Amino acid sequence: MNGERRQRDSCDGPVVSPVLSTMTANAETEADGGAEPSGFAQRVDAMILARAQRGDMQAFAAIYSVFGRACYGLALRLTANAAQADDLVQEVFLKLIENIRSYRGDAPFGAWLKRMMVNATIDQLRQRKRVAEGDPDALFADLENAEPSAAENVDAWALLSRLPPRARTIVVLHQLEGYTHAELATLFGQSESYSKSILSRALQRLQNAVTPSPMVCV
C-alpha cells in the first residue's frame, strides 16, 4: 500500500481512522439492535418469491416493502447522493423483475439482491470514467488541496462523501459491508493490490481530516 507507506514510512502499526470506527460501531449496533433480522438479512416468504417468479406484481411490491429501505440505504452509502441512490434502487428493482427467475435459492434472497445492488453501483462507476481506472494516484489527484469544513469534521458521513466515488465504494464495501479484497478485485476487475492501495489512501485521508496535526513517531 504505497500511499500509506508514504504517509508513515518510519512508523509501525496501521493508521486507524476514528471516523471509520464510529461508522463501523453504528453499523454493528444496527445489525445487533433487535431479535428480528433487519436490512438484507430479512426473510421473504417462499410463496411470495414463487409468485414473483411467475410475474405477480403484487409479489414484487411485497419484496420492495421488505428490502426497499435496505437497498436505498446501501445505495446512499455508496453514492453519497440521494438522487443517484433513488435511481439505482429503481434500476435494480426493474432488473429484479427481469431476472428474478434466475434466483435458485443457493444463497439467501437478501444476499442475492444486495449483490445486484452493489453490481449496479459499480456499473454506474464504470460509466462515469473520469480518471484512469487502474491509477489510484489519479483517483485522489483532484482532492489534494480540498479541505473539509468544520461541520464536516464532526460528520462521519459528510467526510466519507468527500472521497472520490470509487474510493468511497471500496471503503464502504470493505469496512462496513465486509467484502474482502479478493471479492473487490472481482467486482472491479482489478488486482487485490488496487483496492488495498485505494483503501489505505482513503483511510489516511479520513484520519487526516479529524487529526490535521502531523503524525509523530516515538
C-alpha atoms as a PDB file:
ATOM      1  CA  MET A   1       0.000   0.000   0.000  1.00  0.00           C
ATOM      2  CA  ASN A   2       2.310   2.708  -1.337  1.00  0.00           C
ATOM      3  CA  GLY A   3       0.127   5.651  -0.288  1.00  0.00           C
ATOM      4  CA  GLU A   4       0.107   4.539   3.326  1.00  0.00           C
ATOM      5  CA  ARG A   5       3.859   3.927   3.283  1.00  0.00           C
ATOM      6  CA  ARG A   6       4.457   7.485   2.068  1.00  0.00           C
ATOM      7  CA  GLN A   7       2.413   8.801   4.996  1.00  0.00           C
ATOM      8  CA  ARG A   8       4.212   6.750   7.661  1.00  0.00           C
ATOM      9  CA  ASP A   9       7.388   5.394   6.128  1.00  0.00           C
ATOM     10  CA  SER A  10       9.064   5.065   9.530  1.00  0.00           C
ATOM     11  CA  CYS A  11       6.054   4.389  11.763  1.00  0.00           C
ATOM     12  CA  ASP A  12       4.854   0.972  12.818  1.00  0.00           C
ATOM     13  CA  GLY A  13       1.238  -0.155  13.048  1.00  0.00           C
ATOM     14  CA  PRO A  14      -1.814   0.645  10.962  1.00  0.00           C
ATOM     15  CA  VAL A  15      -3.389   4.061  10.589  1.00  0.00           C
ATOM     16  CA  VAL A  16      -6.793   3.786  12.247  1.00  0.00           C
ATOM     17  CA  SER A  17      -9.476   6.322  11.401  1.00  0.00           C
ATOM     18  CA  PRO A  18     -11.765   7.262  14.302  1.00  0.00           C
ATOM     19  CA  VAL A  19     -14.325   8.227  11.647  1.00  0.00           C
ATOM     20  CA  LEU A  20     -14.474   4.646  10.379  1.00  0.00           C
ATOM     21  CA  SER A  21     -14.521   3.318  13.942  1.00  0.00           C
ATOM     22  CA  THR A  22     -17.661   5.362  14.581  1.00  0.00           C
ATOM     23  CA  MET A  23     -19.375   4.233  11.401  1.00  0.00           C
ATOM     24  CA  THR A  24     -18.431   0.595  11.989  1.00  0.00           C
ATOM     25  CA  ALA A  25     -19.766   0.750  15.537  1.00  0.00           C
ATOM     26  CA  ASN A  26     -23.023   2.257  14.276  1.00  0.00           C
ATOM     27  CA  ALA A  27     -23.375  -0.455  11.643  1.00  0.00           C
ATOM     28  CA  GLU A  28     -22.790  -3.179  14.231  1.00  0.00           C
ATOM     29  CA  THR A  29     -25.342  -1.588  16.565  1.00  0.00           C
ATOM     30  CA  GLU A  30     -27.929  -1.555  13.797  1.00  0.00           C
ATOM     31  CA  ALA A  31     -27.170  -5.171  12.916  1.00  0.00           C
ATOM     32  CA  ASP A  32     -27.500  -6.318  16.533  1.00  0.00           C
ATOM     33  CA  GLY A  33     -30.285  -3.969  17.520  1.00  0.00           C
ATOM     34  CA  GLY A  34     -33.084  -6.494  17.759  1.00  0.00           C
ATOM     35  CA  ALA A  35     -34.043 -10.123  17.734  1.00  0.00           C
ATOM     36  CA  GLU A  36     -35.636  -9.887  14.285  1.00  0.00           C
ATOM     37  CA  PRO A  37     -33.389  -9.769  11.194  1.00  0.00           C
ATOM     38  CA  SER A  38     -33.084  -6.371   9.535  1.00  0.00           C
ATOM     39  CA  GLY A  39     -31.786  -4.962   6.280  1.00  0.00           C
ATOM     40  CA  PHE A  40     -30.741  -7.557   3.725  1.00  0.00           C
ATOM     41  CA  ALA A  41     -30.896 -10.263   6.410  1.00  0.00           C
ATOM     42  CA  GLN A  42     -34.698 -10.084   6.448  1.00  0.00           C
ATOM     43  CA  ARG A  43     -36.597 -13.118   5.241  1.00  0.00           C
ATOM     44  CA  VAL A  44     -39.134 -13.159   2.451  1.00  0.00           C
ATOM     45  CA  ASP A  45     -41.824 -15.820   2.233  1.00  0.00           C
ATOM     46  CA  ALA A  46     -41.099 -18.579  -0.281  1.00  0.00           C
ATOM     47  CA  MET A  47     -44.608 -18.256  -1.681  1.00  0.00           C
ATOM     48  CA  ILE A  48     -44.030 -14.559  -2.384  1.00  0.00           C
ATOM     49  CA  LEU A  49     -40.814 -15.402  -4.226  1.00  0.00           C
ATOM     50  CA  ALA A  50     -42.596 -18.100  -6.226  1.00  0.00           C
ATOM     51  CA  ARG A  51     -45.366 -15.660  -7.169  1.00  0.00           C
ATOM     52  CA  ALA A  52     -42.800 -13.025  -8.178  1.00  0.00           C
ATOM     53  CA  GLN A  53     -41.023 -15.566 -10.377  1.00  0.00           C
ATOM     54  CA  ARG A  54     -44.369 -16.100 -12.118  1.00  0.00           C
ATOM     55  CA  GLY A  55     -44.617 -12.348 -12.766  1.00  0.00           C
ATOM     56  CA  ASP A  56     -47.033 -11.374  -9.969  1.00  0.00           C
ATOM     57  CA  MET A  57     -46.521  -7.607  -9.482  1.00  0.00           C
ATOM     58  CA  GLN A  58     -48.143  -7.651  -6.042  1.00  0.00           C
ATOM     59  CA  ALA A  59     -45.417 -10.085  -5.005  1.00  0.00           C
ATOM     60  CA  PHE A  60     -42.770  -7.647  -6.274  1.00  0.00           C
ATOM     61  CA  ALA A  61     -44.450  -4.902  -4.234  1.00  0.00           C
ATOM     62  CA  ALA A  62     -44.192  -7.149  -1.171  1.00  0.00           C
ATOM     63  CA  ILE A  63     -40.479  -7.740  -1.862  1.00  0.00           C
ATOM     64  CA  TYR A  64     -39.943  -3.992  -2.194  1.00  0.00           C
ATOM     65  CA  SER A  65     -41.693  -3.382   1.125  1.00  0.00           C
ATOM     66  CA  VAL A  66     -39.198  -5.752   2.770  1.00  0.00           C
ATOM     67  CA  PHE A  67     -35.971  -4.702   1.046  1.00  0.00           C
ATOM     68  CA  GLY A  68     -36.574  -1.242  -0.419  1.00  0.00           C
ATOM     69  CA  ARG A  69     -35.208   0.609   2.582  1.00  0.00           C
ATOM     70  CA  ALA A  70     -32.111  -1.603   2.788  1.00  0.00           C
ATOM     71  CA  CYS A  71     -31.442  -1.120  -0.915  1.00  0.00           C
ATOM     72  CA  TYR A  72     -31.766   2.652  -0.647  1.00  0.00           C
ATOM     73  CA  GLY A  73     -29.563   2.783   2.457  1.00  0.00           C
ATOM     74  CA  LEU A  74     -26.786   0.819   0.768  1.00  0.00           C
ATOM     75  CA  ALA A  75     -27.047   2.887  -2.420  1.00  0.00           C
ATOM     76  CA  LEU A  76     -26.884   6.109  -0.402  1.00  0.00           C
ATOM     77  CA  ARG A  77     -23.795   4.927   1.498  1.00  0.00           C
ATOM     78  CA  LEU A  78     -22.093   4.001  -1.758  1.00  0.00           C
ATOM     79  CA  THR A  79     -23.025   7.102  -3.767  1.00  0.00           C
ATOM     80  CA  ALA A  80     -23.484   9.795  -1.086  1.00  0.00           C
ATOM     81  CA  ASN A  81     -26.177  11.200  -3.379  1.00  0.00           C
ATOM     82  CA  ALA A  82     -29.896  10.803  -2.686  1.00  0.00           C
ATOM     83  CA  ALA A  83     -30.969  11.221  -6.320  1.00  0.00           C
ATOM     84  CA  GLN A  84     -28.430   8.663  -7.536  1.00  0.00           C
ATOM     85  CA  ALA A  85     -29.493   6.288  -4.761  1.00  0.00           C
ATOM     86  CA  ASP A  86     -33.144   6.599  -5.825  1.00  0.00           C
ATOM     87  CA  ASP A  87     -32.210   5.928  -9.447  1.00  0.00           C
ATOM     88  CA  LEU A  88     -30.153   2.875  -8.502  1.00  0.00           C
ATOM     89  CA  VAL A  89     -32.961   1.386  -6.427  1.00  0.00           C
ATOM     90  CA  GLN A  90     -35.411   1.846  -9.302  1.00  0.00           C
ATOM     91  CA  GLU A  91     -32.900   0.348 -11.738  1.00  0.00           C
ATOM     92  CA  VAL A  92     -32.265  -2.685  -9.526  1.00  0.00           C
ATOM     93  CA  PHE A  93     -35.947  -3.424  -8.969  1.00  0.00           C
ATOM     94  CA  LEU A  94     -36.596  -3.172 -12.695  1.00  0.00           C
ATOM     95  CA  LYS A  95     -33.745  -5.636 -13.232  1.00  0.00           C
ATOM     96  CA  LEU A  96     -35.229  -7.796 -10.491  1.00  0.00           C
ATOM     97  CA  ILE A  97     -38.485  -8.097 -12.449  1.00  0.00           C
ATOM     98  CA  GLU A  98     -36.471  -9.303 -15.451  1.00  0.00           C
ATOM     99  CA  ASN A  99     -34.030 -11.561 -13.607  1.00  0.00           C
ATOM    100  CA  ILE A 100     -35.807 -12.993 -10.578  1.00  0.00           C
ATOM    101  CA  ARG A 101     -36.343 -16.285 -12.393  1.00  0.00           C
ATOM    102  CA  SER A 102     -32.577 -16.799 -12.244  1.00  0.00           C
ATOM    103  CA  TYR A 103     -32.686 -16.880  -8.436  1.00  0.00           C
ATOM    104  CA  ARG A 104     -32.232 -20.537  -7.440  1.00  0.00           C
ATOM    105  CA  GLY A 105     -32.101 -20.257  -3.665  1.00  0.00           C
ATOM    106  CA  ASP A 106     -28.392 -21.098  -3.378  1.00  0.00           C
ATOM    107  CA  ALA A 107     -27.953 -18.022  -1.144  1.00  0.00           C
ATOM    108  CA  PRO A 108     -30.443 -16.056   0.978  1.00  0.00           C
ATOM    109  CA  PHE A 109     -32.569 -13.838  -1.245  1.00  0.00           C
ATOM    110  CA  GLY A 110     -31.424 -10.692   0.584  1.00  0.00           C
ATOM    111  CA  ALA A 111     -27.762 -11.503  -0.094  1.00  0.00           C
ATOM    112  CA  TRP A 112     -28.571 -12.122  -3.766  1.00  0.00           C
ATOM    113  CA  LEU A 113     -30.413  -8.792  -4.001  1.00  0.00           C
ATOM    114  CA  LYS A 114     -27.593  -6.984  -2.191  1.00  0.00           C
ATOM    115  CA  ARG A 115     -25.109  -8.264  -4.764  1.00  0.00           C
ATOM    116  CA  MET A 116     -27.383  -6.892  -7.505  1.00  0.00           C
ATOM    117  CA  MET A 117     -27.336  -3.521  -5.742  1.00  0.00           C
ATOM    118  CA  VAL A 118     -23.548  -3.485  -5.445  1.00  0.00           C
ATOM    119  CA  ASN A 119     -23.080  -4.562  -9.065  1.00  0.00           C
ATOM    120  CA  ALA A 120     -25.422  -1.820 -10.287  1.00  0.00           C
ATOM    121  CA  THR A 121     -23.439   0.792  -8.336  1.00  0.00           C
ATOM    122  CA  ILE A 122     -20.117  -0.396  -9.743  1.00  0.00           C
ATOM    123  CA  ASP A 123     -21.578  -0.447 -13.260  1.00  0.00           C
ATOM    124  CA  GLN A 124     -22.554   3.187 -12.719  1.00  0.00           C
ATOM    125  CA  LEU A 125     -18.996   3.997 -11.619  1.00  0.00           C
ATOM    126  CA  ARG A 126     -17.631   2.397 -14.770  1.00  0.00           C
ATOM    127  CA  GLN A 127     -19.949   4.546 -16.888  1.00  0.00           C
ATOM    128  CA  ARG A 128     -18.649   7.664 -15.135  1.00  0.00           C
ATOM    129  CA  LYS A 129     -14.987   7.123 -16.028  1.00  0.00           C
ATOM    130  CA  ARG A 130     -13.312  10.407 -15.170  1.00  0.00           C
ATOM    131  CA  VAL A 131      -9.893   9.005 -14.241  1.00  0.00           C
ATOM    132  CA  ALA A 132      -7.845   6.015 -15.268  1.00  0.00           C
ATOM    133  CA  GLU A 133      -9.432   3.028 -13.549  1.00  0.00           C
ATOM    134  CA  GLY A 134      -6.146   1.434 -12.555  1.00  0.00           C
ATOM    135  CA  ASP A 135      -4.406   4.564 -11.236  1.00  0.00           C
ATOM    136  CA  PRO A 136      -5.002   5.285  -7.517  1.00  0.00           C
ATOM    137  CA  ASP A 137      -2.844   8.445  -7.784  1.00  0.00           C
ATOM    138  CA  ALA A 138      -5.155   9.922 -10.420  1.00  0.00           C
ATOM    139  CA  LEU A 139      -8.176   8.968  -8.322  1.00  0.00           C
ATOM    140  CA  PHE A 140      -7.127  11.263  -5.468  1.00  0.00           C
ATOM    141  CA  ALA A 141      -5.381  13.977  -7.509  1.00  0.00           C
ATOM    142  CA  ASP A 142      -8.329  16.399  -7.523  1.00  0.00           C
ATOM    143  CA  LEU A 143      -8.623  16.291  -3.725  1.00  0.00           C
ATOM    144  CA  GLU A 144      -5.070  17.231  -2.819  1.00  0.00           C
ATOM    145  CA  ASN A 145      -5.977  20.812  -1.870  1.00  0.00           C
ATOM    146  CA  ALA A 146      -9.547  20.209  -0.728  1.00  0.00           C
ATOM    147  CA  GLU A 147     -10.122  20.828   2.965  1.00  0.00           C
ATOM    148  CA  PRO A 148     -13.280  19.749   4.823  1.00  0.00           C
ATOM    149  CA  SER A 149     -15.313  22.345   6.664  1.00  0.00           C
ATOM    150  CA  ALA A 150     -15.550  22.423  10.450  1.00  0.00           C
ATOM    151  CA  ALA A 151     -19.060  20.951  10.236  1.00  0.00           C
ATOM    152  CA  GLU A 152     -17.843  18.099   8.056  1.00  0.00           C
ATOM    153  CA  ASN A 153     -15.093  17.313  10.553  1.00  0.00           C
ATOM    154  CA  VAL A 154     -17.711  16.142  13.047  1.00  0.00           C
ATOM    155  CA  ASP A 155     -19.929  14.378  10.495  1.00  0.00           C
ATOM    156  CA  ALA A 156     -18.536  10.991   9.521  1.00  0.00           C
ATOM    157  CA  TRP A 157     -20.822  10.554   6.530  1.00  0.00           C
ATOM    158  CA  ALA A 158     -20.089  14.047   5.229  1.00  0.00           C
ATOM    159  CA  LEU A 159     -16.380  13.250   5.322  1.00  0.00           C
ATOM    160  CA  LEU A 160     -16.971   9.948   3.567  1.00  0.00           C
ATOM    161  CA  SER A 161     -18.982  11.728   0.861  1.00  0.00           C
ATOM    162  CA  ARG A 162     -15.918  13.845   0.006  1.00  0.00           C
ATOM    163  CA  LEU A 163     -13.962  10.808  -1.146  1.00  0.00           C
ATOM    164  CA  PRO A 164     -13.876  10.018  -4.877  1.00  0.00           C
ATOM    165  CA  PRO A 165     -16.842   7.762  -5.753  1.00  0.00           C
ATOM    166  CA  ARG A 166     -14.694   4.694  -6.413  1.00  0.00           C
ATOM    167  CA  ALA A 167     -12.732   5.174  -3.180  1.00  0.00           C
ATOM    168  CA  ARG A 168     -15.922   5.683  -1.162  1.00  0.00           C
ATOM    169  CA  THR A 169     -17.393   2.493  -2.636  1.00  0.00           C
ATOM    170  CA  ILE A 170     -14.308   0.492  -1.678  1.00  0.00           C
ATOM    171  CA  VAL A 171     -14.297   1.908   1.870  1.00  0.00           C
ATOM    172  CA  VAL A 172     -17.997   1.162   2.415  1.00  0.00           C
ATOM    173  CA  LEU A 173     -17.854  -2.328   0.931  1.00  0.00           C
ATOM    174  CA  HIS A 174     -14.685  -3.356   2.759  1.00  0.00           C
ATOM    175  CA  GLN A 175     -15.050  -1.606   6.105  1.00  0.00           C
ATOM    176  CA  LEU A 176     -18.823  -1.623   6.593  1.00  0.00           C
ATOM    177  CA  GLU A 177     -20.183  -4.407   4.390  1.00  0.00           C
ATOM    178  CA  GLY A 178     -17.427  -6.969   4.989  1.00  0.00           C
ATOM    179  CA  TYR A 179     -16.236  -7.516   1.408  1.00  0.00           C
ATOM    180  CA  THR A 180     -12.737  -8.988   1.102  1.00  0.00           C
ATOM    181  CA  HIS A 181     -10.067  -7.592  -1.213  1.00  0.00           C
ATOM    182  CA  ALA A 182     -10.404 -10.740  -3.310  1.00  0.00           C
ATOM    183  CA  GLU A 183     -14.128 -10.008  -3.762  1.00  0.00           C
ATOM    184  CA  LEU A 184     -13.398  -6.357  -4.555  1.00  0.00           C
ATOM    185  CA  ALA A 185     -10.829  -7.417  -7.139  1.00  0.00           C
ATOM    186  CA  THR A 186     -13.509  -9.473  -8.882  1.00  0.00           C
ATOM    187  CA  LEU A 187     -16.104  -6.693  -8.697  1.00  0.00           C
ATOM    188  CA  PHE A 188     -13.784  -4.012 -10.092  1.00  0.00           C
ATOM    189  CA  GLY A 189     -11.833  -6.207 -12.486  1.00  0.00           C
ATOM    190  CA  GLN A 190      -8.573  -5.169 -10.811  1.00  0.00           C
ATOM    191  CA  SER A 191      -5.906  -6.784  -8.654  1.00  0.00           C
ATOM    192  CA  GLU A 192      -6.225  -7.025  -4.871  1.00  0.00           C
ATOM    193  CA  SER A 193      -3.396  -4.503  -4.512  1.00  0.00           C
ATOM    194  CA  TYR A 194      -5.588  -1.960  -6.317  1.00  0.00           C
ATOM    195  CA  SER A 195      -8.333  -1.933  -3.674  1.00  0.00           C
ATOM    196  CA  LYS A 196      -5.751  -2.175  -0.872  1.00  0.00           C
ATOM    197  CA  SER A 197      -3.963   0.911  -2.155  1.00  0.00           C
ATOM    198  CA  ILE A 198      -7.168   2.917  -2.561  1.00  0.00           C
ATOM    199  CA  LEU A 199      -8.458   1.813   0.849  1.00  0.00           C
ATOM    200  CA  SER A 200      -5.184   2.837   2.502  1.00  0.00           C
ATOM    201  CA  ARG A 201      -5.233   6.292   0.935  1.00  0.00           C
ATOM    202  CA  ALA A 202      -8.907   6.811   1.718  1.00  0.00           C
ATOM    203  CA  LEU A 203      -8.487   5.843   5.374  1.00  0.00           C
ATOM    204  CA  GLN A 204      -5.442   8.108   5.645  1.00  0.00           C
ATOM    205  CA  ARG A 205      -7.454  10.976   4.201  1.00  0.00           C
ATOM    206  CA  LEU A 206     -10.243  10.393   6.733  1.00  0.00           C
ATOM    207  CA  GLN A 207      -7.653  10.201   9.508  1.00  0.00           C
ATOM    208  CA  ASN A 208      -6.063  13.486   8.422  1.00  0.00           C
ATOM    209  CA  ALA A 209      -9.467  15.173   8.297  1.00  0.00           C
ATOM    210  CA  VAL A 210     -10.099  14.606  12.000  1.00  0.00           C
ATOM    211  CA  THR A 211      -6.465  14.842  13.178  1.00  0.00           C
ATOM    212  CA  PRO A 212      -4.882  17.524  10.985  1.00  0.00           C
ATOM    213  CA  SER A 213      -1.685  17.773  13.016  1.00  0.00           C
ATOM    214  CA  PRO A 214       1.244  15.752  11.590  1.00  0.00           C
ATOM    215  CA  MET A 215       1.917  12.270  12.928  1.00  0.00           C
ATOM    216  CA  VAL A 216       4.893  11.996  15.256  1.00  0.00           C
ATOM    217  CA  CYS A 217       6.779   8.726  15.637  1.00  0.00           C
ATOM    218  CA  VAL A 218       8.256   7.987  19.062  1.00  0.00           C
END
